[in-house]
Amino acid sequence: MIKFGLITFATHYGIQPAELGRWAEAAGYESLFFAEHTHIPTSRKSPFGGGGPLPDYYKQAYDPFVALAAVATATETLEVGTAICLVTEHNPITLAKTVASLDRVSNGRAILGIGASWNAEEMFDHGVDFRDRWKVTRERVLAMREIWNNEVAEYHGEFVDFEPTWSWPKPVQAGGPPILLGARSKWVSNRLWRVRIA
């Protein structure tokens, strides 16, 4: 049987996330995904990947994890996820805790859709060079998996480096929530192979 999900930008001027979640679950949808942008630099040097001017909702999105937590507590079966979480804009230790917490709050219904971002200025504000975005994304996800799967976790890479540490909660889903990698360019298939997050 084919299952359907919804992807949207949750914003302050739209339907409340919990209300949207209840509606989606009642309508028979399997999942609800929210997009992410922490901010949009006004420079607009990076061209919008969709072409044309950047839609206003890109700069007005809720934090997806806060909005998804609201959805999770208002629903029973609806899977909740990011489409996409811009991993380059997060510290992997705090993101691991955020995602694990969402998985706990939702009782194992979290999905982590990830990407590296198209907006070089936005990424730069988070200390990431655009040329390194896929390598940074890969290391941060691997570091999160270490945290999710080990009582004492550590990671030593080029972009992520931390000594043995404790971090709870652990996700409900064994190994952590499913991770879906999204991108849109002519290099996607090649990048998926090189970035491969095992």
C-alpha atoms as a PDB file:
ATOM      1  CA  MET A   1       0.000   0.000   0.000  1.00  0.00           C
ATOM      2  CA  ILE A   2       1.316   3.438  -0.914  1.00  0.00           C
ATOM      3  CA  LYS A   3       1.718   5.839   1.989  1.00  0.00           C
ATOM      4  CA  PHE A   4       1.784   9.618   1.731  1.00  0.00           C
ATOM      5  CA  GLY A   5       3.419  12.324   3.802  1.00  0.00           C
ATOM      6  CA  LEU A   6       3.422  16.111   3.826  1.00  0.00           C
ATOM      7  CA  ILE A   7       6.380  18.520   3.651  1.00  0.00           C
ATOM      8  CA  THR A   8       5.979  22.202   4.476  1.00  0.00           C
ATOM      9  CA  PHE A   9       7.559  25.259   6.048  1.00  0.00           C
ATOM     10  CA  ALA A  10       5.905  25.744   9.433  1.00  0.00           C
ATOM     11  CA  THR A  11       5.673  29.502  10.039  1.00  0.00           C
ATOM     12  CA  HIS A  12       4.146  31.828  12.616  1.00  0.00           C
ATOM     13  CA  TYR A  13       1.506  33.023  10.150  1.00  0.00           C
ATOM     14  CA  GLY A  14       0.357  29.532   9.095  1.00  0.00           C
ATOM     15  CA  ILE A  15      -1.674  26.842  10.789  1.00  0.00           C
ATOM     16  CA  GLN A  16      -0.337  25.902  14.215  1.00  0.00           C
ATOM     17  CA  PRO A  17       1.923  22.801  14.005  1.00  0.00           C
ATOM     18  CA  ALA A  18      -0.137  20.728  16.458  1.00  0.00           C
ATOM     19  CA  GLU A  19      -3.352  21.537  14.593  1.00  0.00           C
ATOM     20  CA  LEU A  20      -1.747  20.616  11.266  1.00  0.00           C
ATOM     21  CA  GLY A  21      -0.491  17.365  12.769  1.00  0.00           C
ATOM     22  CA  ARG A  22      -3.927  16.381  14.070  1.00  0.00           C
ATOM     23  CA  TRP A  23      -5.473  17.179  10.675  1.00  0.00           C
ATOM     24  CA  ALA A  24      -2.779  15.194   8.780  1.00  0.00           C
ATOM     25  CA  GLU A  25      -3.203  12.152  11.028  1.00  0.00           C
ATOM     26  CA  ALA A  26      -7.013  12.255  10.755  1.00  0.00           C
ATOM     27  CA  ALA A  27      -6.717  12.566   6.960  1.00  0.00           C
ATOM     28  CA  GLY A  28      -4.650   9.376   6.818  1.00  0.00           C
ATOM     29  CA  TYR A  29      -1.202  10.794   6.122  1.00  0.00           C
ATOM     30  CA  GLU A  30       1.741   8.711   7.315  1.00  0.00           C
ATOM     31  CA  SER A  31       4.152  11.544   8.064  1.00  0.00           C
ATOM     32  CA  LEU A  32       4.678  15.277   8.408  1.00  0.00           C
ATOM     33  CA  PHE A  33       8.009  16.959   7.650  1.00  0.00           C
ATOM     34  CA  PHE A  34       9.076  20.528   8.400  1.00  0.00           C
ATOM     35  CA  ALA A  35      11.825  22.493   6.652  1.00  0.00           C
ATOM     36  CA  GLU A  36      14.579  24.480   8.347  1.00  0.00           C
ATOM     37  CA  HIS A  37      16.462  27.748   7.969  1.00  0.00           C
ATOM     38  CA  THR A  38      17.889  29.322  11.113  1.00  0.00           C
ATOM     39  CA  HIS A  39      18.017  32.708   9.370  1.00  0.00           C
ATOM     40  CA  ILE A  40      18.466  34.166   5.899  1.00  0.00           C
ATOM     41  CA  PRO A  41      21.314  36.654   5.430  1.00  0.00           C
ATOM     42  CA  THR A  42      20.104  39.781   3.644  1.00  0.00           C
ATOM     43  CA  SER A  43      23.043  39.762   1.216  1.00  0.00           C
ATOM     44  CA  ARG A  44      21.297  37.290  -1.120  1.00  0.00           C
ATOM     45  CA  LYS A  45      24.587  36.408  -2.844  1.00  0.00           C
ATOM     46  CA  SER A  46      23.659  32.730  -2.945  1.00  0.00           C
ATOM     47  CA  PRO A  47      21.063  32.240  -5.687  1.00  0.00           C
ATOM     48  CA  PHE A  48      17.850  30.571  -4.628  1.00  0.00           C
ATOM     49  CA  GLY A  49      17.919  26.965  -5.842  1.00  0.00           C
ATOM     50  CA  GLY A  50      14.285  27.120  -6.909  1.00  0.00           C
ATOM     51  CA  GLY A  51      14.978  30.045  -9.228  1.00  0.00           C
ATOM     52  CA  GLY A  52      13.577  33.539  -8.999  1.00  0.00           C
ATOM     53  CA  PRO A  53      13.213  35.519  -5.775  1.00  0.00           C
ATOM     54  CA  LEU A  54      13.426  33.766  -2.433  1.00  0.00           C
ATOM     55  CA  PRO A  55       9.939  33.108  -0.958  1.00  0.00           C
ATOM     56  CA  ASP A  56       9.246  34.946   2.303  1.00  0.00           C
ATOM     57  CA  TYR A  57       8.548  31.748   4.230  1.00  0.00           C
ATOM     58  CA  TYR A  58      12.239  30.792   4.007  1.00  0.00           C
ATOM     59  CA  LYS A  59      13.078  33.562   6.460  1.00  0.00           C
ATOM     60  CA  GLN A  60      10.060  32.959   8.711  1.00  0.00           C
ATOM     61  CA  ALA A  61      10.268  29.250   9.492  1.00  0.00           C
ATOM     62  CA  TYR A  62       9.807  27.915  13.004  1.00  0.00           C
ATOM     63  CA  ASP A  63      12.554  25.844  14.527  1.00  0.00           C
ATOM     64  CA  PRO A  64      11.511  22.473  13.072  1.00  0.00           C
ATOM     65  CA  PHE A  65      12.270  20.460  16.201  1.00  0.00           C
ATOM     66  CA  VAL A  66      10.146  22.659  18.462  1.00  0.00           C
ATOM     67  CA  ALA A  67       7.299  22.543  15.935  1.00  0.00           C
ATOM     68  CA  LEU A  68       7.640  18.774  15.475  1.00  0.00           C
ATOM     69  CA  ALA A  69       7.585  18.214  19.239  1.00  0.00           C
ATOM     70  CA  ALA A  70       4.242  20.044  19.302  1.00  0.00           C
ATOM     71  CA  VAL A  71       2.994  17.766  16.516  1.00  0.00           C
ATOM     72  CA  ALA A  72       4.269  14.643  18.274  1.00  0.00           C
ATOM     73  CA  THR A  73       2.418  15.407  21.496  1.00  0.00           C
ATOM     74  CA  ALA A  74      -0.811  16.107  19.585  1.00  0.00           C
ATOM     75  CA  THR A  75      -0.778  12.877  17.537  1.00  0.00           C
ATOM     76  CA  GLU A  76      -0.431   9.130  18.090  1.00  0.00           C
ATOM     77  CA  THR A  77       0.748   7.517  14.849  1.00  0.00           C
ATOM     78  CA  LEU A  78       1.978  10.327  12.592  1.00  0.00           C
ATOM     79  CA  GLU A  79       5.713  10.120  11.879  1.00  0.00           C
ATOM     80  CA  VAL A  80       7.467  13.467  12.371  1.00  0.00           C
ATOM     81  CA  GLY A  81      10.576  14.555  10.526  1.00  0.00           C
ATOM     82  CA  THR A  82      12.752  17.238   9.061  1.00  0.00           C
ATOM     83  CA  ALA A  83      12.911  17.925   5.340  1.00  0.00           C
ATOM     84  CA  ILE A  84      15.500  19.009   5.743  1.00  0.00           C
ATOM     85  CA  CYS A  85      17.613  19.621   8.821  1.00  0.00           C
ATOM     86  CA  LEU A  86      20.615  21.707   7.796  1.00  0.00           C
ATOM     87  CA  VAL A  87      23.267  19.731   9.671  1.00  0.00           C
ATOM     88  CA  THR A  88      25.918  22.322   8.806  1.00  0.00           C
ATOM     89  CA  GLU A  89      24.083  24.748  11.088  1.00  0.00           C
ATOM     90  CA  HIS A  90      24.133  22.603  14.219  1.00  0.00           C
ATOM     91  CA  ASN A  91      26.600  21.481  16.829  1.00  0.00           C
ATOM     92  CA  PRO A  92      26.480  17.663  16.570  1.00  0.00           C
ATOM     93  CA  ILE A  93      26.367  17.128  20.352  1.00  0.00           C
ATOM     94  CA  THR A  94      23.332  19.361  20.830  1.00  0.00           C
ATOM     95  CA  LEU A  95      21.676  18.111  17.619  1.00  0.00           C
ATOM     96  CA  ALA A  96      22.101  14.505  18.797  1.00  0.00           C
ATOM     97  CA  LYS A  97      20.276  15.400  22.024  1.00  0.00           C
ATOM     98  CA  THR A  98      17.546  17.320  20.178  1.00  0.00           C
ATOM     99  CA  VAL A  99      16.837  14.482  17.751  1.00  0.00           C
ATOM    100  CA  ALA A 100      16.948  11.839  20.490  1.00  0.00           C
ATOM    101  CA  SER A 101      14.569  13.943  22.586  1.00  0.00           C
ATOM    102  CA  LEU A 102      12.140  14.250  19.666  1.00  0.00           C
ATOM    103  CA  ASP A 103      12.313  10.495  19.162  1.00  0.00           C
ATOM    104  CA  ARG A 104      11.505  10.009  22.871  1.00  0.00           C
ATOM    105  CA  VAL A 105       8.665  12.553  22.899  1.00  0.00           C
ATOM    106  CA  SER A 106       7.160  10.937  19.796  1.00  0.00           C
ATOM    107  CA  ASN A 107       7.705   7.386  21.091  1.00  0.00           C
ATOM    108  CA  GLY A 108       9.939   6.420  18.190  1.00  0.00           C
ATOM    109  CA  ARG A 109       8.240   8.309  15.362  1.00  0.00           C
ATOM    110  CA  ALA A 110      11.102  10.691  14.449  1.00  0.00           C
ATOM    111  CA  ILE A 111      12.793  10.782  11.048  1.00  0.00           C
ATOM    112  CA  LEU A 112      15.876  12.899  10.413  1.00  0.00           C
ATOM    113  CA  GLY A 113      15.907  14.243   6.877  1.00  0.00           C
ATOM    114  CA  ILE A 114      19.221  16.005   6.330  1.00  0.00           C
ATOM    115  CA  GLY A 115      21.020  18.190   3.834  1.00  0.00           C
ATOM    116  CA  ALA A 116      24.004  20.503   3.642  1.00  0.00           C
ATOM    117  CA  SER A 117      22.283  23.722   2.465  1.00  0.00           C
ATOM    118  CA  TRP A 118      22.561  25.830  -0.660  1.00  0.00           C
ATOM    119  CA  ASN A 119      22.998  29.142   1.162  1.00  0.00           C
ATOM    120  CA  ALA A 120      26.721  29.826   1.578  1.00  0.00           C
ATOM    121  CA  GLU A 121      26.213  32.987   3.667  1.00  0.00           C
ATOM    122  CA  GLU A 122      23.833  31.266   6.081  1.00  0.00           C
ATOM    123  CA  MET A 123      26.319  28.426   6.502  1.00  0.00           C
ATOM    124  CA  PHE A 124      29.236  30.835   6.952  1.00  0.00           C
ATOM    125  CA  ASP A 125      27.396  32.460   9.866  1.00  0.00           C
ATOM    126  CA  HIS A 126      27.535  29.037  11.519  1.00  0.00           C
ATOM    127  CA  GLY A 127      31.285  28.742  10.914  1.00  0.00           C
ATOM    128  CA  VAL A 128      31.163  26.330   7.962  1.00  0.00           C
ATOM    129  CA  ASP A 129      32.897  26.918   4.645  1.00  0.00           C
ATOM    130  CA  PHE A 130      30.588  26.131   1.711  1.00  0.00           C
ATOM    131  CA  ARG A 131      33.287  23.967   0.095  1.00  0.00           C
ATOM    132  CA  ASP A 132      33.388  21.723   3.186  1.00  0.00           C
ATOM    133  CA  ARG A 133      29.638  21.330   3.676  1.00  0.00           C
ATOM    134  CA  TRP A 134      29.327  17.663   2.705  1.00  0.00           C
ATOM    135  CA  LYS A 135      32.387  16.577   4.691  1.00  0.00           C
ATOM    136  CA  VAL A 136      31.080  18.496   7.711  1.00  0.00           C
ATOM    137  CA  THR A 137      27.629  16.953   7.301  1.00  0.00           C
ATOM    138  CA  ARG A 138      29.075  13.448   7.136  1.00  0.00           C
ATOM    139  CA  GLU A 139      31.230  13.850  10.256  1.00  0.00           C
ATOM    140  CA  ARG A 140      28.443  15.428  12.282  1.00  0.00           C
ATOM    141  CA  VAL A 141      26.041  12.600  11.466  1.00  0.00           C
ATOM    142  CA  LEU A 142      28.654   9.971  12.307  1.00  0.00           C
ATOM    143  CA  ALA A 143      29.336  11.757  15.604  1.00  0.00           C
ATOM    144  CA  MET A 144      25.606  11.805  16.406  1.00  0.00           C
ATOM    145  CA  ARG A 145      25.378   8.089  15.758  1.00  0.00           C
ATOM    146  CA  GLU A 146      28.218   7.525  18.207  1.00  0.00           C
ATOM    147  CA  ILE A 147      26.288   9.484  20.835  1.00  0.00           C
ATOM    148  CA  TRP A 148      23.021   7.663  20.151  1.00  0.00           C
ATOM    149  CA  ASN A 149      24.576   4.204  20.263  1.00  0.00           C
ATOM    150  CA  ASN A 150      27.098   4.364  23.096  1.00  0.00           C
ATOM    151  CA  GLU A 151      26.880   4.964  26.804  1.00  0.00           C
ATOM    152  CA  VAL A 152      30.232   6.727  26.541  1.00  0.00           C
ATOM    153  CA  ALA A 153      30.738   8.347  23.140  1.00  0.00           C
ATOM    154  CA  GLU A 154      33.688  10.065  21.524  1.00  0.00           C
ATOM    155  CA  TYR A 155      34.532  11.227  18.038  1.00  0.00           C
ATOM    156  CA  HIS A 156      37.741  12.456  16.455  1.00  0.00           C
ATOM    157  CA  GLY A 157      37.577  13.823  12.922  1.00  0.00           C
ATOM    158  CA  GLU A 158      38.673  16.782  10.858  1.00  0.00           C
ATOM    159  CA  PHE A 159      35.600  18.893  11.677  1.00  0.00           C
ATOM    160  CA  VAL A 160      34.196  17.218  14.793  1.00  0.00           C
ATOM    161  CA  ASP A 161      36.332  16.341  17.781  1.00  0.00           C
ATOM    162  CA  PHE A 162      35.208  15.532  21.308  1.00  0.00           C
ATOM    163  CA  GLU A 163      36.527  13.410  24.141  1.00  0.00           C
ATOM    164  CA  PRO A 164      34.549  10.633  25.892  1.00  0.00           C
ATOM    165  CA  THR A 165      31.185  12.007  26.957  1.00  0.00           C
ATOM    166  CA  TRP A 166      27.806  11.006  28.370  1.00  0.00           C
ATOM    167  CA  SER A 167      24.621  12.158  26.710  1.00  0.00           C
ATOM    168  CA  TRP A 168      21.013  11.118  27.263  1.00  0.00           C
ATOM    169  CA  PRO A 169      18.300  10.540  26.301  1.00  0.00           C
ATOM    170  CA  LYS A 170      19.040   7.847  23.755  1.00  0.00           C
ATOM    171  CA  PRO A 171      16.551   7.493  20.883  1.00  0.00           C
ATOM    172  CA  VAL A 172      13.713   4.981  21.151  1.00  0.00           C
ATOM    173  CA  GLN A 173      14.558   3.612  17.697  1.00  0.00           C
ATOM    174  CA  ALA A 174      17.525   1.269  17.803  1.00  0.00           C
ATOM    175  CA  GLY A 175      20.536   2.969  16.268  1.00  0.00           C
ATOM    176  CA  GLY A 176      18.674   6.260  16.112  1.00  0.00           C
ATOM    177  CA  PRO A 177      15.955   7.573  13.823  1.00  0.00           C
ATOM    178  CA  PRO A 178      16.137   6.833  10.081  1.00  0.00           C
ATOM    179  CA  ILE A 179      18.351   9.357   8.291  1.00  0.00           C
ATOM    180  CA  LEU A 180      17.266  10.471   4.827  1.00  0.00           C
ATOM    181  CA  LEU A 181      19.710  12.508   2.744  1.00  0.00           C
ATOM    182  CA  GLY A 182      18.226  15.101   0.436  1.00  0.00           C
ATOM    183  CA  ALA A 183      19.860  17.273  -2.191  1.00  0.00           C
ATOM    184  CA  ARG A 184      19.060  18.838  -5.543  1.00  0.00           C
ATOM    185  CA  SER A 185      21.805  19.290  -8.123  1.00  0.00           C
ATOM    186  CA  LYS A 186      23.431  17.493 -11.026  1.00  0.00           C
ATOM    187  CA  TRP A 187      26.061  16.119  -8.617  1.00  0.00           C
ATOM    188  CA  VAL A 188      23.621  14.407  -6.237  1.00  0.00           C
ATOM    189  CA  SER A 189      24.332  10.805  -7.205  1.00  0.00           C
ATOM    190  CA  ASN A 190      28.092  11.320  -6.989  1.00  0.00           C
ATOM    191  CA  ARG A 191      27.816  13.104  -3.650  1.00  0.00           C
ATOM    192  CA  LEU A 192      25.611  10.397  -2.193  1.00  0.00           C
ATOM    193  CA  TRP A 193      28.340   7.893  -2.912  1.00  0.00           C
ATOM    194  CA  ARG A 194      31.145  10.065  -1.491  1.00  0.00           C
ATOM    195  CA  VAL A 195      29.170  11.242   1.541  1.00  0.00           C
ATOM    196  CA  ARG A 196      27.852   7.763   2.303  1.00  0.00           C
ATOM    197  CA  ILE A 197      27.001   7.742   5.987  1.00  0.00           C
ATOM    198  CA  ALA A 198      27.451   4.211   7.203  1.00  0.00           C
END
